[in-house]
């Protein structure tokens, strides 16, 4: 079997981001790389959205960017601005096309469908495949989104709806999410934060149909695209080993309280590229421990008081949008962290959860 200097297991967002970062900074000029990816073809299958709190390599893959957003609970709506930290959505089809057209020019980079086709003995391995032993009693962010096209112009393309909690909750946390790409095209998504143990939550198609037709009052539309997924709101059991570094969700790059992963992947890729020559001698890259700690407290409250979470999320945005966005994107300072906690509607719940966590 052929040997390589580097092997990336999983050619999705994390694996391809790392390959692109290494290739565009000439780190593969005299090195060989194998990417293990079973898919038969690359096509649009995801929409990655985030607040732009740091620069990244994929501005030309951004399908739409918004400077305004809203969040609502029954009978209440907040309209907010985020022009300094816009909300961006990346089309995975454009992302795949950009990266693959770049890396295919380097003959030192090869794709394989199966890991058994290469030798792992003398390679530095980057693994992006999460190891999830059991999802029982664990929280997930699970969702289905559809891109719809309407016969008339019905959307305000200048503002996106981050969370609409005016919907059935089933003792979990449920919201809809609308990203208007133009006046007659938008991604509408039903999102749950739950243990995935209620079949009523999984009826995504009916939820979307009811929301679009009865809440958005759109009767005439067609569906151009569908996507669905489930993000673990817990860390997979992958551990770094000698000559093996976990990346992406496997490398704990998902922010557990939000599911945001894309920009963390980009920063991790940059860190690996900058330290690739001495990667075995330095400490691994991690999301700051304070966010890991705060997320555990947050998820404890969510797990025990799901019915209060819509109000908690809504009240959080009594702070300035910049404060909340930086907190959700792991870019906040201690002052902003305290503002988030102190202005949360049910801060007593967080204090109790904190005391139990430290007990």
Protein backbone atom coordinates (compact mmCIF):
# COMPACT_ATOMS: atom_id res chain seq x y z
CA UNK A 1 0.00 0.00 0.00
CA UNK A 2 1.13 3.52 -0.78
CA UNK A 3 2.48 5.70 2.02
CA UNK A 4 1.84 9.42 2.44
CA UNK A 5 3.30 12.17 4.60
CA UNK A 6 -0.21 13.28 5.61
CA UNK A 7 -3.58 11.55 5.57
CA UNK A 8 -6.90 13.33 6.07
CA UNK A 9 -9.75 11.01 7.04
CA UNK A 10 -12.99 12.58 5.85
CA UNK A 11 -13.18 14.97 2.93
CA UNK A 12 -15.97 17.17 4.26
CA UNK A 13 -15.79 20.71 5.59
CA UNK A 14 -12.95 20.14 8.08
CA UNK A 15 -10.86 17.85 5.89
CA UNK A 16 -11.08 20.00 2.78
CA UNK A 17 -10.54 23.23 4.73
CA UNK A 18 -7.29 21.83 6.09
CA UNK A 19 -6.18 20.54 2.69
CA UNK A 20 -6.87 23.95 1.13
CA UNK A 21 -5.05 25.80 3.92
CA UNK A 22 -1.97 23.61 3.52
CA UNK A 23 -2.00 23.71 -0.29
CA UNK A 24 -2.45 27.49 -0.64
CA UNK A 25 0.44 28.14 1.75
CA UNK A 26 2.83 25.80 -0.06
CA UNK A 27 2.94 23.25 2.76
CA UNK A 28 2.36 20.39 0.29
CA UNK A 29 4.97 21.39 -2.26
CA UNK A 30 7.29 18.60 -1.21
CA UNK A 31 4.82 16.50 0.80
CA UNK A 32 2.22 13.93 -0.15
CA UNK A 33 -1.39 13.94 1.06
CA UNK A 34 -4.13 11.33 0.88
CA UNK A 35 -7.76 12.31 1.49
CA UNK A 36 -10.07 9.46 2.43
CA UNK A 37 -13.62 10.25 1.34
CA UNK A 38 -16.24 7.68 0.29
CA UNK A 39 -18.67 9.99 -1.55
CA UNK A 40 -18.98 9.45 -5.29
CA UNK A 41 -19.31 13.14 -6.14
CA UNK A 42 -19.22 16.55 -4.52
CA UNK A 43 -22.44 18.51 -4.76
CA UNK A 44 -24.31 20.98 -2.59
CA UNK A 45 -25.41 19.23 0.59
CA UNK A 46 -24.93 21.77 3.39
CA UNK A 47 -25.40 25.44 4.21
CA UNK A 48 -22.85 26.72 6.73
CA UNK A 49 -23.87 29.95 8.44
CA UNK A 50 -22.08 32.06 11.03
CA UNK A 51 -21.33 35.56 12.25
CA UNK A 52 -18.22 36.86 10.53
CA UNK A 53 -16.06 37.53 13.59
CA UNK A 54 -12.80 36.68 11.82
CA UNK A 55 -11.53 36.52 8.24
CA UNK A 56 -11.71 33.26 6.30
CA UNK A 57 -10.71 31.86 2.90
CA UNK A 58 -14.18 31.52 1.43
CA UNK A 59 -15.70 34.96 0.88
CA UNK A 60 -16.31 33.97 -2.76
CA UNK A 61 -18.44 31.06 -1.56
CA UNK A 62 -20.76 33.25 0.53
CA UNK A 63 -24.24 32.97 -0.93
CA UNK A 64 -25.64 35.86 1.10
CA UNK A 65 -24.64 38.17 3.92
CA UNK A 66 -27.01 40.07 6.23
CA UNK A 67 -26.51 43.19 8.37
CA UNK A 68 -29.90 42.88 10.09
CA UNK A 69 -31.70 40.06 11.87
CA UNK A 70 -34.70 39.35 14.04
CA UNK A 71 -35.58 36.98 16.86
CA UNK A 72 -39.05 36.35 18.16
CA UNK A 73 -41.20 34.58 20.72
CA UNK A 74 -45.02 34.59 20.72
CA UNK A 75 -46.25 38.20 20.49
CA UNK A 76 -42.76 39.73 20.76
CA UNK A 77 -40.08 40.48 18.15
CA UNK A 78 -36.67 42.10 18.33
CA UNK A 79 -35.14 43.73 15.22
CA UNK A 80 -31.36 44.06 15.47
CA UNK A 81 -28.39 45.29 13.45
CA UNK A 82 -25.10 43.46 12.97
CA UNK A 83 -23.37 45.50 10.27
CA UNK A 84 -19.98 45.24 12.00
CA UNK A 85 -20.28 41.47 12.32
CA UNK A 86 -22.49 40.34 9.41
CA UNK A 87 -24.20 36.98 9.31
CA UNK A 88 -22.96 34.91 6.36
CA UNK A 89 -24.13 31.72 4.64
CA UNK A 90 -21.78 29.58 2.60
CA UNK A 91 -23.02 27.33 -0.19
CA UNK A 92 -21.24 23.99 0.20
CA UNK A 93 -21.41 23.42 -3.56
CA UNK A 94 -19.32 26.53 -4.19
CA UNK A 95 -17.00 25.56 -1.32
CA UNK A 96 -16.36 22.07 -2.73
CA UNK A 97 -15.83 23.40 -6.24
CA UNK A 98 -13.32 26.03 -5.13
CA UNK A 99 -11.24 23.65 -3.04
CA UNK A 100 -11.26 20.71 -5.43
CA UNK A 101 -10.34 22.89 -8.41
CA UNK A 102 -7.33 24.12 -6.40
CA UNK A 103 -6.02 20.91 -4.88
CA UNK A 104 -6.43 18.80 -8.02
CA UNK A 105 -3.59 20.81 -9.57
CA UNK A 106 -1.18 19.26 -7.07
CA UNK A 107 -0.29 15.73 -8.14
CA UNK A 108 0.93 15.01 -4.61
CA UNK A 109 -2.69 15.01 -3.40
CA UNK A 110 -4.74 11.86 -3.96
CA UNK A 111 -8.30 10.87 -3.07
CA UNK A 112 -9.23 7.37 -1.89
CA UNK A 113 -12.63 5.88 -1.12
CA UNK A 114 -11.43 3.51 1.60
CA UNK A 115 -8.85 3.87 4.35
CA UNK A 116 -7.66 0.32 3.66
CA UNK A 117 -6.16 1.54 0.38
CA UNK A 118 -3.34 3.43 2.13
CA UNK A 119 -0.75 2.68 4.78
CA UNK A 120 -1.19 4.50 8.09
CA UNK A 121 2.08 3.43 9.66
CA UNK A 122 4.31 6.42 8.95
CA UNK A 123 1.84 9.21 8.29
CA UNK A 124 0.61 12.19 10.26
CA UNK A 125 -3.14 11.61 10.33
CA UNK A 126 -5.87 14.24 10.60
CA UNK A 127 -9.20 12.64 11.45
CA UNK A 128 -12.51 14.46 10.94
CA UNK A 129 -14.84 11.49 11.54
CA UNK A 130 -16.45 11.77 15.00
CA UNK A 131 -16.68 8.69 17.18
CA UNK A 132 -20.11 8.64 18.81
CA UNK A 133 -20.59 5.57 20.96
CA UNK A 134 -24.23 6.20 21.81
CA UNK A 135 -26.66 9.08 21.40
CA UNK A 136 -28.87 7.87 24.23
CA UNK A 137 -29.70 10.64 26.68
CA UNK A 138 -27.53 13.14 24.80
CA UNK A 139 -28.60 16.50 23.40
CA UNK A 140 -28.52 17.16 19.67
CA UNK A 141 -29.26 20.06 17.36
CA UNK A 142 -31.24 18.36 14.59
CA UNK A 143 -32.88 20.07 11.67
CA UNK A 144 -34.24 20.06 8.15
CA UNK A 145 -34.09 23.00 5.80
CA UNK A 146 -35.62 23.63 2.40
CA UNK A 147 -34.83 26.36 -0.09
CA UNK A 148 -38.08 27.59 -1.55
CA UNK A 149 -38.85 29.78 -4.54
CA UNK A 150 -42.08 31.78 -4.53
CA UNK A 151 -44.14 32.97 -7.46
CA UNK A 152 -44.21 36.52 -6.05
CA UNK A 153 -41.69 38.70 -4.21
CA UNK A 154 -42.48 38.04 -0.55
CA UNK A 155 -39.19 38.22 1.36
CA UNK A 156 -37.23 41.17 2.72
CA UNK A 157 -33.78 40.04 1.61
CA UNK A 158 -32.06 42.59 3.87
CA UNK A 159 -32.99 40.88 7.14
CA UNK A 160 -32.85 37.27 8.25
CA UNK A 161 -34.83 35.63 11.05
CA UNK A 162 -32.40 33.94 13.42
CA UNK A 163 -34.94 32.27 15.71
CA UNK A 164 -38.72 32.13 15.65
CA UNK A 165 -39.94 30.33 18.78
CA UNK A 166 -43.61 30.90 17.98
CA UNK A 167 -44.18 27.19 17.35
CA UNK A 168 -44.89 23.87 19.07
CA UNK A 169 -42.14 22.91 21.54
CA UNK A 170 -43.10 19.38 22.73
CA UNK A 171 -41.16 19.94 25.99
CA UNK A 172 -37.97 20.49 23.97
CA UNK A 173 -36.53 23.61 22.32
CA UNK A 174 -37.84 24.30 18.82
CA UNK A 175 -37.51 27.25 16.47
CA UNK A 176 -37.70 28.14 12.80
CA UNK A 177 -34.94 29.92 10.94
CA UNK A 178 -35.36 31.87 7.69
CA UNK A 179 -32.56 33.07 5.42
CA UNK A 180 -33.89 35.15 2.50
CA UNK A 181 -31.43 34.92 -0.39
CA UNK A 182 -33.56 37.17 -2.60
CA UNK A 183 -37.08 38.58 -2.72
CA UNK A 184 -38.47 35.22 -3.87
CA UNK A 185 -35.96 32.65 -2.58
CA UNK A 186 -35.21 31.65 1.00
CA UNK A 187 -33.93 28.82 3.15
CA UNK A 188 -36.51 27.90 5.79
CA UNK A 189 -35.39 25.52 8.50
CA UNK A 190 -37.02 23.74 11.43
CA UNK A 191 -34.51 23.23 14.24
CA UNK A 192 -34.73 21.25 17.48
CA UNK A 193 -32.47 21.09 20.53
CA UNK A 194 -33.42 17.78 22.12
CA UNK A 195 -32.48 14.18 22.84
CA UNK A 196 -34.21 13.03 19.63
CA UNK A 197 -36.51 10.68 21.54
CA UNK A 198 -39.86 12.13 20.41
CA UNK A 199 -41.08 11.03 16.98
CA UNK A 200 -43.26 14.13 16.72
CA UNK A 201 -40.09 16.23 16.46
CA UNK A 202 -38.95 14.26 13.40
CA UNK A 203 -41.95 15.18 11.24
CA UNK A 204 -39.87 17.91 9.64
CA UNK A 205 -41.74 18.06 6.32
CA UNK A 206 -45.10 18.73 7.95
CA UNK A 207 -43.57 21.29 10.31
CA UNK A 208 -42.07 23.19 7.37
CA UNK A 209 -45.26 23.01 5.32
CA UNK A 210 -47.36 24.34 8.19
CA UNK A 211 -44.89 27.11 8.99
CA UNK A 212 -44.51 28.32 5.41
CA UNK A 213 -48.20 28.21 4.58
CA UNK A 214 -49.76 29.26 7.88
CA UNK A 215 -47.10 31.44 9.54
CA UNK A 216 -45.29 32.99 6.58
CA UNK A 217 -48.58 32.94 4.64
CA UNK A 218 -46.94 31.62 1.49
CA UNK A 219 -49.19 29.31 -0.52
CA UNK A 220 -47.52 29.20 -3.92
CA UNK A 221 -43.93 28.02 -3.88
CA UNK A 222 -41.67 25.26 -5.06
CA UNK A 223 -38.83 23.48 -3.26
CA UNK A 224 -35.48 23.81 -5.04
CA UNK A 225 -33.24 22.15 -2.47
CA UNK A 226 -33.38 20.16 0.79
CA UNK A 227 -30.86 19.43 3.52
CA UNK A 228 -31.01 17.89 6.96
CA UNK A 229 -28.58 17.01 9.71
CA UNK A 230 -27.88 16.45 13.38
CA UNK A 231 -25.09 18.15 15.32
CA UNK A 232 -24.04 16.57 18.64
CA UNK A 233 -24.22 19.03 21.53
CA UNK A 234 -21.64 16.93 23.33
CA UNK A 235 -18.06 16.08 22.55
CA UNK A 236 -17.41 12.87 20.59
CA UNK A 237 -15.15 10.32 22.26
CA UNK A 238 -12.25 10.84 19.82
CA UNK A 239 -8.90 11.37 21.50
CA UNK A 240 -5.68 12.59 19.96
CA UNK A 241 -3.01 9.93 19.66
CA UNK A 242 0.58 9.87 18.56
CA UNK A 243 0.68 10.94 14.91
CA UNK A 244 -3.10 11.51 14.92
CA UNK A 245 -4.91 14.83 15.34
CA UNK A 246 -8.69 15.14 15.36
CA UNK A 247 -10.25 18.02 13.46
CA UNK A 248 -13.76 19.37 12.93
CA UNK A 249 -16.46 17.97 15.19
CA UNK A 250 -14.15 15.06 16.01
CA UNK A 251 -11.62 17.63 17.24
CA UNK A 252 -14.18 19.41 19.46
CA UNK A 253 -14.48 22.38 17.11
CA UNK A 254 -18.25 22.60 17.55
CA UNK A 255 -19.47 25.22 20.00
CA UNK A 256 -21.85 23.09 22.06
CA UNK A 257 -24.35 25.80 22.97
CA UNK A 258 -24.84 26.94 19.38
CA UNK A 259 -23.64 24.24 16.99
CA UNK A 260 -21.40 26.80 15.24
CA UNK A 261 -18.39 25.00 13.78
CA UNK A 262 -17.32 26.53 10.45
CA UNK A 263 -15.11 29.40 11.66
CA UNK A 264 -13.61 27.23 14.42
CA UNK A 265 -12.58 24.78 11.69
CA UNK A 266 -10.92 27.60 9.75
CA UNK A 267 -8.97 28.80 12.79
CA UNK A 268 -7.91 25.26 13.65
CA UNK A 269 -6.75 24.71 10.05
CA UNK A 270 -4.72 27.92 10.23
CA UNK A 271 -3.15 26.80 13.51
CA UNK A 272 -2.17 23.44 12.03
CA UNK A 273 -0.70 25.07 8.93
CA UNK A 274 1.34 27.53 10.99
CA UNK A 275 2.73 24.74 13.18
CA UNK A 276 2.79 21.79 10.80
CA UNK A 277 6.55 21.34 10.99
CA UNK A 278 6.50 21.00 14.78
CA UNK A 279 2.92 19.88 15.33
CA UNK A 280 3.93 16.93 17.54
CA UNK A 281 5.79 19.22 19.93
CA UNK A 282 3.13 21.82 20.70
CA UNK A 283 -0.12 21.78 22.65
CA UNK A 284 -3.23 21.11 20.62
CA UNK A 285 -5.68 23.80 19.54
CA UNK A 286 -8.86 24.05 21.59
CA UNK A 287 -11.84 26.34 22.01
CA UNK A 288 -11.12 28.31 25.18
CA UNK A 289 -11.98 26.44 28.36
CA UNK A 290 -14.25 29.21 29.60
CA UNK A 291 -16.62 28.51 26.69
CA UNK A 292 -16.52 24.78 27.35
CA UNK A 293 -17.43 25.52 30.96
CA UNK A 294 -20.18 28.04 30.11
CA UNK A 295 -21.64 25.71 27.49
CA UNK A 296 -21.93 22.88 30.01
CA UNK A 297 -23.84 25.18 32.35
CA UNK A 298 -26.03 26.40 29.49
CA UNK A 299 -26.85 22.86 28.35
CA UNK A 300 -27.65 21.82 31.91
CA UNK A 301 -30.23 24.60 32.06
CA UNK A 302 -31.55 23.62 28.63
CA UNK A 303 -31.84 19.98 29.68
CA UNK A 304 -33.71 20.76 32.90
CA UNK A 305 -35.74 23.84 31.88
CA UNK A 306 -36.41 23.50 28.15
CA UNK A 307 -39.71 25.37 28.44
CA UNK A 308 -37.90 28.51 29.58
CA UNK A 309 -35.27 28.56 26.84
CA UNK A 310 -37.20 30.68 24.29
CA UNK A 311 -37.44 33.50 26.85
CA UNK A 312 -33.81 33.02 27.85
CA UNK A 313 -32.62 33.32 24.23
CA UNK A 314 -34.90 36.31 23.66
CA UNK A 315 -33.75 38.10 26.81
CA UNK A 316 -30.11 37.46 25.92
CA UNK A 317 -30.53 39.93 23.06
CA UNK A 318 -31.31 42.74 25.48
CA UNK A 319 -27.54 43.12 25.32
CA UNK A 320 -26.00 44.82 22.32
CA UNK A 321 -25.91 42.55 19.24
CA UNK A 322 -22.12 42.79 19.21
CA UNK A 323 -21.90 41.47 22.79
CA UNK A 324 -24.18 38.51 22.06
CA UNK A 325 -22.56 37.70 18.71
CA UNK A 326 -19.07 37.68 20.20
CA UNK A 327 -20.26 35.47 23.05
CA UNK A 328 -21.90 32.99 20.67
CA UNK A 329 -18.77 33.01 18.47
CA UNK A 330 -16.20 32.54 21.28
CA UNK A 331 -14.78 36.04 20.85
CA UNK A 332 -16.15 37.72 23.99
CA UNK A 333 -14.23 39.22 26.87
CA UNK A 334 -15.04 38.60 30.53
CA UNK A 335 -17.12 41.79 30.73
CA UNK A 336 -19.29 40.65 27.82
CA UNK A 337 -19.63 37.18 29.39
CA UNK A 338 -20.93 38.73 32.59
CA UNK A 339 -23.38 40.93 30.69
CA UNK A 340 -24.84 37.86 29.00
CA UNK A 341 -25.34 36.04 32.29
CA UNK A 342 -26.63 39.04 34.25
CA UNK A 343 -29.13 40.11 31.59
CA UNK A 344 -30.51 36.64 31.02
CA UNK A 345 -34.12 36.44 32.11
CA UNK A 346 -33.63 33.41 34.38
CA UNK A 347 -30.12 34.00 35.65
CA UNK A 348 -31.05 32.18 38.89
CA UNK A 349 -31.30 28.98 36.83
CA UNK A 350 -27.73 29.47 35.62
CA UNK A 351 -26.50 30.12 39.14
CA UNK A 352 -28.20 26.95 40.41
CA UNK A 353 -26.80 24.96 37.49
CA UNK A 354 -23.37 26.41 38.21
CA UNK A 355 -23.57 25.38 41.88
CA UNK A 356 -24.66 21.84 40.94
CA UNK A 357 -21.90 21.63 38.35
CA UNK A 358 -19.29 22.50 40.97
CA UNK A 359 -20.83 20.32 43.69
